[in-house]
C-alpha atoms as a PDB file:
ATOM      1  CA  UNK A   1     -18.410  27.411   5.429  1.00  0.00           C
ATOM      2  CA  UNK A   2     -16.170  24.569   6.579  1.00  0.00           C
ATOM      3  CA  UNK A   3     -15.812  21.664   4.213  1.00  0.00           C
ATOM      4  CA  UNK A   4     -16.621  18.178   5.491  1.00  0.00           C
ATOM      5  CA  UNK A   5     -13.825  15.843   4.407  1.00  0.00           C
ATOM      6  CA  UNK A   6     -14.775  12.333   3.458  1.00  0.00           C
ATOM      7  CA  UNK A   7     -12.626   9.542   4.805  1.00  0.00           C
ATOM      8  CA  UNK A   8     -11.168   8.857   1.365  1.00  0.00           C
ATOM      9  CA  UNK A   9     -10.297  12.517   0.805  1.00  0.00           C
ATOM     10  CA  UNK A  10      -8.682  12.751   4.215  1.00  0.00           C
ATOM     11  CA  UNK A  11      -6.599   9.656   3.560  1.00  0.00           C
ATOM     12  CA  UNK A  12      -5.651  10.683   0.037  1.00  0.00           C
ATOM     13  CA  UNK A  13      -4.597  14.106   1.273  1.00  0.00           C
ATOM     14  CA  UNK A  14      -2.768  12.643   4.280  1.00  0.00           C
ATOM     15  CA  UNK A  15      -4.909  14.528   6.770  1.00  0.00           C
ATOM     16  CA  UNK A  16      -5.133  11.480   8.996  1.00  0.00           C
ATOM     17  CA  UNK A  17      -2.138  10.616  11.153  1.00  0.00           C
ATOM     18  CA  UNK A  18      -1.672   6.895  11.737  1.00  0.00           C
ATOM     19  CA  UNK A  19       1.031   7.370  14.348  1.00  0.00           C
ATOM     20  CA  UNK A  20       0.331   4.902  17.149  1.00  0.00           C
ATOM     21  CA  UNK A  21      -1.048   6.601  20.231  1.00  0.00           C
ATOM     22  CA  UNK A  22       1.827   5.457  22.432  1.00  0.00           C
ATOM     23  CA  UNK A  23       4.012   7.930  20.538  1.00  0.00           C
ATOM     24  CA  UNK A  24       1.898  10.876  21.613  1.00  0.00           C
ATOM     25  CA  UNK A  25       3.531  10.831  25.032  1.00  0.00           C
ATOM     26  CA  UNK A  26       7.133  11.804  25.567  1.00  0.00           C
ATOM     27  CA  UNK A  27       8.464   9.665  28.401  1.00  0.00           C
ATOM     28  CA  UNK A  28      11.216  12.174  29.159  1.00  0.00           C
ATOM     29  CA  UNK A  29       8.588  14.543  30.648  1.00  0.00           C
ATOM     30  CA  UNK A  30       7.057  11.871  32.896  1.00  0.00           C
ATOM     31  CA  UNK A  31       8.284  11.187  36.409  1.00  0.00           C
ATOM     32  CA  UNK A  32      10.981   8.507  36.524  1.00  0.00           C
ATOM     33  CA  UNK A  33       8.764   6.154  38.530  1.00  0.00           C
ATOM     34  CA  UNK A  34       6.249   6.021  35.667  1.00  0.00           C
ATOM     35  CA  UNK A  35       8.786   5.099  32.941  1.00  0.00           C
ATOM     36  CA  UNK A  36       8.075   1.945  31.010  1.00  0.00           C
ATOM     37  CA  UNK A  37      11.283   0.004  30.370  1.00  0.00           C
ATOM     38  CA  UNK A  38      12.691   1.115  27.021  1.00  0.00           C
ATOM     39  CA  UNK A  39      12.651  -2.351  25.448  1.00  0.00           C
ATOM     40  CA  UNK A  40       8.976  -2.748  26.343  1.00  0.00           C
ATOM     41  CA  UNK A  41       8.049   0.605  24.782  1.00  0.00           C
ATOM     42  CA  UNK A  42      10.020  -0.198  21.634  1.00  0.00           C
ATOM     43  CA  UNK A  43       8.461  -3.653  21.392  1.00  0.00           C
ATOM     44  CA  UNK A  44       4.964  -2.214  21.877  1.00  0.00           C
ATOM     45  CA  UNK A  45       5.502   0.431  19.196  1.00  0.00           C
ATOM     46  CA  UNK A  46       6.865  -2.158  16.761  1.00  0.00           C
ATOM     47  CA  UNK A  47       3.831  -4.354  17.354  1.00  0.00           C
ATOM     48  CA  UNK A  48       1.482  -1.386  16.836  1.00  0.00           C
ATOM     49  CA  UNK A  49       3.055  -0.561  13.465  1.00  0.00           C
ATOM     50  CA  UNK A  50       2.962  -4.242  12.518  1.00  0.00           C
ATOM     51  CA  UNK A  51      -0.742  -4.349  13.429  1.00  0.00           C
ATOM     52  CA  UNK A  52      -1.366  -1.197  11.373  1.00  0.00           C
ATOM     53  CA  UNK A  53       0.284  -2.892   8.398  1.00  0.00           C
ATOM     54  CA  UNK A  54      -2.026  -5.894   8.817  1.00  0.00           C
ATOM     55  CA  UNK A  55      -5.137  -3.705   9.111  1.00  0.00           C
ATOM     56  CA  UNK A  56      -4.212  -1.651   6.051  1.00  0.00           C
ATOM     57  CA  UNK A  57      -3.565  -4.764   4.003  1.00  0.00           C
ATOM     58  CA  UNK A  58      -6.863  -6.387   5.020  1.00  0.00           C
ATOM     59  CA  UNK A  59      -8.697  -3.196   4.073  1.00  0.00           C
ATOM     60  CA  UNK A  60      -6.820  -3.105   0.753  1.00  0.00           C
ATOM     61  CA  UNK A  61      -8.075  -6.611  -0.057  1.00  0.00           C
ATOM     62  CA  UNK A  62     -11.632  -5.575   0.811  1.00  0.00           C
ATOM     63  CA  UNK A  63     -11.344  -2.482  -1.408  1.00  0.00           C
ATOM     64  CA  UNK A  64     -10.013  -4.603  -4.268  1.00  0.00           C
ATOM     65  CA  UNK A  65     -12.965  -6.976  -3.928  1.00  0.00           C
ATOM     66  CA  UNK A  66     -15.284  -3.962  -4.212  1.00  0.00           C
ATOM     67  CA  UNK A  67     -13.467  -2.586  -7.284  1.00  0.00           C
ATOM     68  CA  UNK A  68     -12.134   0.389  -5.317  1.00  0.00           C
ATOM     69  CA  UNK A  69      -8.711   0.117  -6.908  1.00  0.00           C
ATOM     70  CA  UNK A  70      -7.327   3.545  -5.999  1.00  0.00           C
ATOM     71  CA  UNK A  71      -8.192   2.979  -2.314  1.00  0.00           C
ATOM     72  CA  UNK A  72      -6.622  -0.485  -2.565  1.00  0.00           C
ATOM     73  CA  UNK A  73      -3.334   0.966  -3.831  1.00  0.00           C
ATOM     74  CA  UNK A  74      -3.271   3.658  -1.159  1.00  0.00           C
ATOM     75  CA  UNK A  75      -3.890   1.091   1.570  1.00  0.00           C
ATOM     76  CA  UNK A  76      -1.152  -1.178   0.188  1.00  0.00           C
ATOM     77  CA  UNK A  77       1.234   1.779   0.288  1.00  0.00           C
ATOM     78  CA  UNK A  78       0.241   2.509   3.894  1.00  0.00           C
ATOM     79  CA  UNK A  79       0.675  -1.146   4.852  1.00  0.00           C
ATOM     80  CA  UNK A  80       4.199  -1.179   3.423  1.00  0.00           C
ATOM     81  CA  UNK A  81       5.017   2.152   5.089  1.00  0.00           C
ATOM     82  CA  UNK A  82       3.840   0.859   8.478  1.00  0.00           C
ATOM     83  CA  UNK A  83       5.945  -2.282   8.162  1.00  0.00           C
ATOM     84  CA  UNK A  84       8.998  -0.249   7.145  1.00  0.00           C
ATOM     85  CA  UNK A  85       8.500   1.964  10.198  1.00  0.00           C
ATOM     86  CA  UNK A  86       8.343  -1.137  12.395  1.00  0.00           C
ATOM     87  CA  UNK A  87      11.675  -2.255  10.915  1.00  0.00           C
ATOM     88  CA  UNK A  88      13.103   1.237  11.416  1.00  0.00           C
ATOM     89  CA  UNK A  89      12.126   1.208  15.087  1.00  0.00           C
ATOM     90  CA  UNK A  90      13.586  -2.257  15.503  1.00  0.00           C
ATOM     91  CA  UNK A  91      16.880  -1.401  13.831  1.00  0.00           C
ATOM     92  CA  UNK A  92      17.455   2.028  15.365  1.00  0.00           C
ATOM     93  CA  UNK A  93      15.713   1.474  18.732  1.00  0.00           C
ATOM     94  CA  UNK A  94      13.728   4.675  18.359  1.00  0.00           C
ATOM     95  CA  UNK A  95       9.997   4.909  19.003  1.00  0.00           C
ATOM     96  CA  UNK A  96       9.796   8.012  16.800  1.00  0.00           C
ATOM     97  CA  UNK A  97      10.431   7.063  13.165  1.00  0.00           C
ATOM     98  CA  UNK A  98      10.393   9.784  10.522  1.00  0.00           C
ATOM     99  CA  UNK A  99       6.959  10.508   9.080  1.00  0.00           C
ATOM    100  CA  UNK A 100       8.250   9.567   5.629  1.00  0.00           C
ATOM    101  CA  UNK A 101      11.294   7.491   4.749  1.00  0.00           C
ATOM    102  CA  UNK A 102      13.404   8.001   1.629  1.00  0.00           C
ATOM    103  CA  UNK A 103      14.760   5.225  -0.564  1.00  0.00           C
ATOM    104  CA  UNK A 104      18.172   5.808   1.043  1.00  0.00           C
ATOM    105  CA  UNK A 105      16.593   5.008   4.410  1.00  0.00           C
ATOM    106  CA  UNK A 106      14.393   2.137   3.180  1.00  0.00           C
ATOM    107  CA  UNK A 107      17.100   0.136   1.404  1.00  0.00           C
ATOM    108  CA  UNK A 108      19.236  -0.573   4.512  1.00  0.00           C
ATOM    109  CA  UNK A 109      16.077  -1.619   6.367  1.00  0.00           C
ATOM    110  CA  UNK A 110      15.040  -4.242   3.811  1.00  0.00           C
ATOM    111  CA  UNK A 111      18.524  -5.390   2.760  1.00  0.00           C
ATOM    112  CA  UNK A 112      20.083  -8.350   4.553  1.00  0.00           C
ATOM    113  CA  UNK A 113      23.279 -10.324   4.040  1.00  0.00           C
ATOM    114  CA  UNK A 114      21.318 -13.268   2.642  1.00  0.00           C
ATOM    115  CA  UNK A 115      18.650 -11.363   0.696  1.00  0.00           C
ATOM    116  CA  UNK A 116      19.353  -8.127  -1.148  1.00  0.00           C
ATOM    117  CA  UNK A 117      16.487  -5.718  -0.643  1.00  0.00           C
ATOM    118  CA  UNK A 118      16.697  -3.682  -3.820  1.00  0.00           C
ATOM    119  CA  UNK A 119      13.611  -5.330  -5.357  1.00  0.00           C
ATOM    120  CA  UNK A 120      11.602  -4.679  -2.189  1.00  0.00           C
ATOM    121  CA  UNK A 121      12.772  -1.061  -1.991  1.00  0.00           C
ATOM    122  CA  UNK A 122      11.915  -0.514  -5.663  1.00  0.00           C
ATOM    123  CA  UNK A 123       8.481  -2.066  -5.198  1.00  0.00           C
ATOM    124  CA  UNK A 124       7.812   0.195  -2.205  1.00  0.00           C
ATOM    125  CA  UNK A 125       8.864   3.219  -4.265  1.00  0.00           C
ATOM    126  CA  UNK A 126       6.632   2.096  -7.119  1.00  0.00           C
ATOM    127  CA  UNK A 127       3.662   1.707  -4.776  1.00  0.00           C
ATOM    128  CA  UNK A 128       4.305   5.173  -3.359  1.00  0.00           C
ATOM    129  CA  UNK A 129       4.311   6.594  -6.876  1.00  0.00           C
ATOM    130  CA  UNK A 130       1.296   4.680  -8.214  1.00  0.00           C
ATOM    131  CA  UNK A 131      -0.803   5.398  -5.122  1.00  0.00           C
ATOM    132  CA  UNK A 132      -0.091   9.120  -5.445  1.00  0.00           C
ATOM    133  CA  UNK A 133      -1.049   9.446  -9.126  1.00  0.00           C
ATOM    134  CA  UNK A 134      -3.847  11.840  -9.944  1.00  0.00           C
ATOM    135  CA  UNK A 135      -7.189  10.210 -10.642  1.00  0.00           C
ATOM    136  CA  UNK A 136      -7.211  11.257 -14.288  1.00  0.00           C
ATOM    137  CA  UNK A 137      -4.079   9.150 -14.906  1.00  0.00           C
ATOM    138  CA  UNK A 138      -5.124   6.089 -12.937  1.00  0.00           C
ATOM    139  CA  UNK A 139      -7.263   4.525 -15.692  1.00  0.00           C
ATOM    140  CA  UNK A 140      -4.114   3.383 -17.508  1.00  0.00           C
ATOM    141  CA  UNK A 141      -2.909   1.393 -14.493  1.00  0.00           C
ATOM    142  CA  UNK A 142      -6.013   0.246 -12.667  1.00  0.00           C
ATOM    143  CA  UNK A 143      -6.733  -3.044 -14.373  1.00  0.00           C
ATOM    144  CA  UNK A 144      -8.024  -5.814 -12.079  1.00  0.00           C
ATOM    145  CA  UNK A 145      -5.210  -8.201 -13.091  1.00  0.00           C
ATOM    146  CA  UNK A 146      -2.557  -5.562 -12.342  1.00  0.00           C
ATOM    147  CA  UNK A 147      -4.155  -4.630  -9.035  1.00  0.00           C
ATOM    148  CA  UNK A 148      -4.326  -8.267  -7.964  1.00  0.00           C
ATOM    149  CA  UNK A 149      -0.632  -8.708  -8.824  1.00  0.00           C
ATOM    150  CA  UNK A 150       0.282  -5.611  -6.808  1.00  0.00           C
ATOM    151  CA  UNK A 151      -1.869  -6.807  -3.923  1.00  0.00           C
ATOM    152  CA  UNK A 152      -0.211 -10.244  -3.990  1.00  0.00           C
ATOM    153  CA  UNK A 153       3.280  -8.759  -4.152  1.00  0.00           C
ATOM    154  CA  UNK A 154       2.433  -6.446  -1.253  1.00  0.00           C
ATOM    155  CA  UNK A 155       1.267  -9.428   0.788  1.00  0.00           C
ATOM    156  CA  UNK A 156       4.456 -11.367  -0.040  1.00  0.00           C
ATOM    157  CA  UNK A 157       6.661  -8.462   1.015  1.00  0.00           C
ATOM    158  CA  UNK A 158       4.700  -7.866   4.215  1.00  0.00           C
ATOM    159  CA  UNK A 159       5.047 -11.545   5.135  1.00  0.00           C
ATOM    160  CA  UNK A 160       8.782 -11.534   4.388  1.00  0.00           C
ATOM    161  CA  UNK A 161       9.392  -8.374   6.402  1.00  0.00           C
ATOM    162  CA  UNK A 162       7.230  -9.643   9.273  1.00  0.00           C
ATOM    163  CA  UNK A 163       9.310 -12.829   9.335  1.00  0.00           C
ATOM    164  CA  UNK A 164      12.499 -10.771   9.536  1.00  0.00           C
ATOM    165  CA  UNK A 165      10.971  -8.672  12.279  1.00  0.00           C
ATOM    166  CA  UNK A 166       9.917 -11.739  14.262  1.00  0.00           C
ATOM    167  CA  UNK A 167      13.259 -13.518  13.721  1.00  0.00           C
ATOM    168  CA  UNK A 168      15.171 -10.483  14.929  1.00  0.00           C
ATOM    169  CA  UNK A 169      12.897  -9.668  17.879  1.00  0.00           C
ATOM    170  CA  UNK A 170      14.434 -12.367  20.051  1.00  0.00           C
ATOM    171  CA  UNK A 171      17.894 -10.888  19.432  1.00  0.00           C
ATOM    172  CA  UNK A 172      16.850  -7.470  20.751  1.00  0.00           C
ATOM    173  CA  UNK A 173      14.583  -8.415  23.637  1.00  0.00           C
END
């Protein structure tokens, strides 16, 4: 008998793909007359990932308010991952970012000449680790004060990266 996956189980097991729908279509197979200008497609994909980051963060705050700390951490991780993918697309002008980015790929995306990004990259790595911990180990980490600090730091990083994305968007478009 087929098992019915709950939404939480599907998310925790990464059975849900949050790739924006515009990526499902390869423009190279479409007739030339139907091509969207490349800058428009890149801009649209960046905005979709940015919107995903906002949605995930808002849901994380709701989960925190309902004492669903594990879901909150997972959603914070997804929010950060979506924002990093938006930065990846912006920097490399590719609408197809890798499904997962390594620390070697994240650091150049968050590092700037004026602000070193090591603390942001380390925080993202920490969130990836903490959100993937087995449930039996989570009791040591899931204290409301700690979760609120992680949620606040996630929000700060998302705002900083969104500012960089918005500041740089006029240079590309």
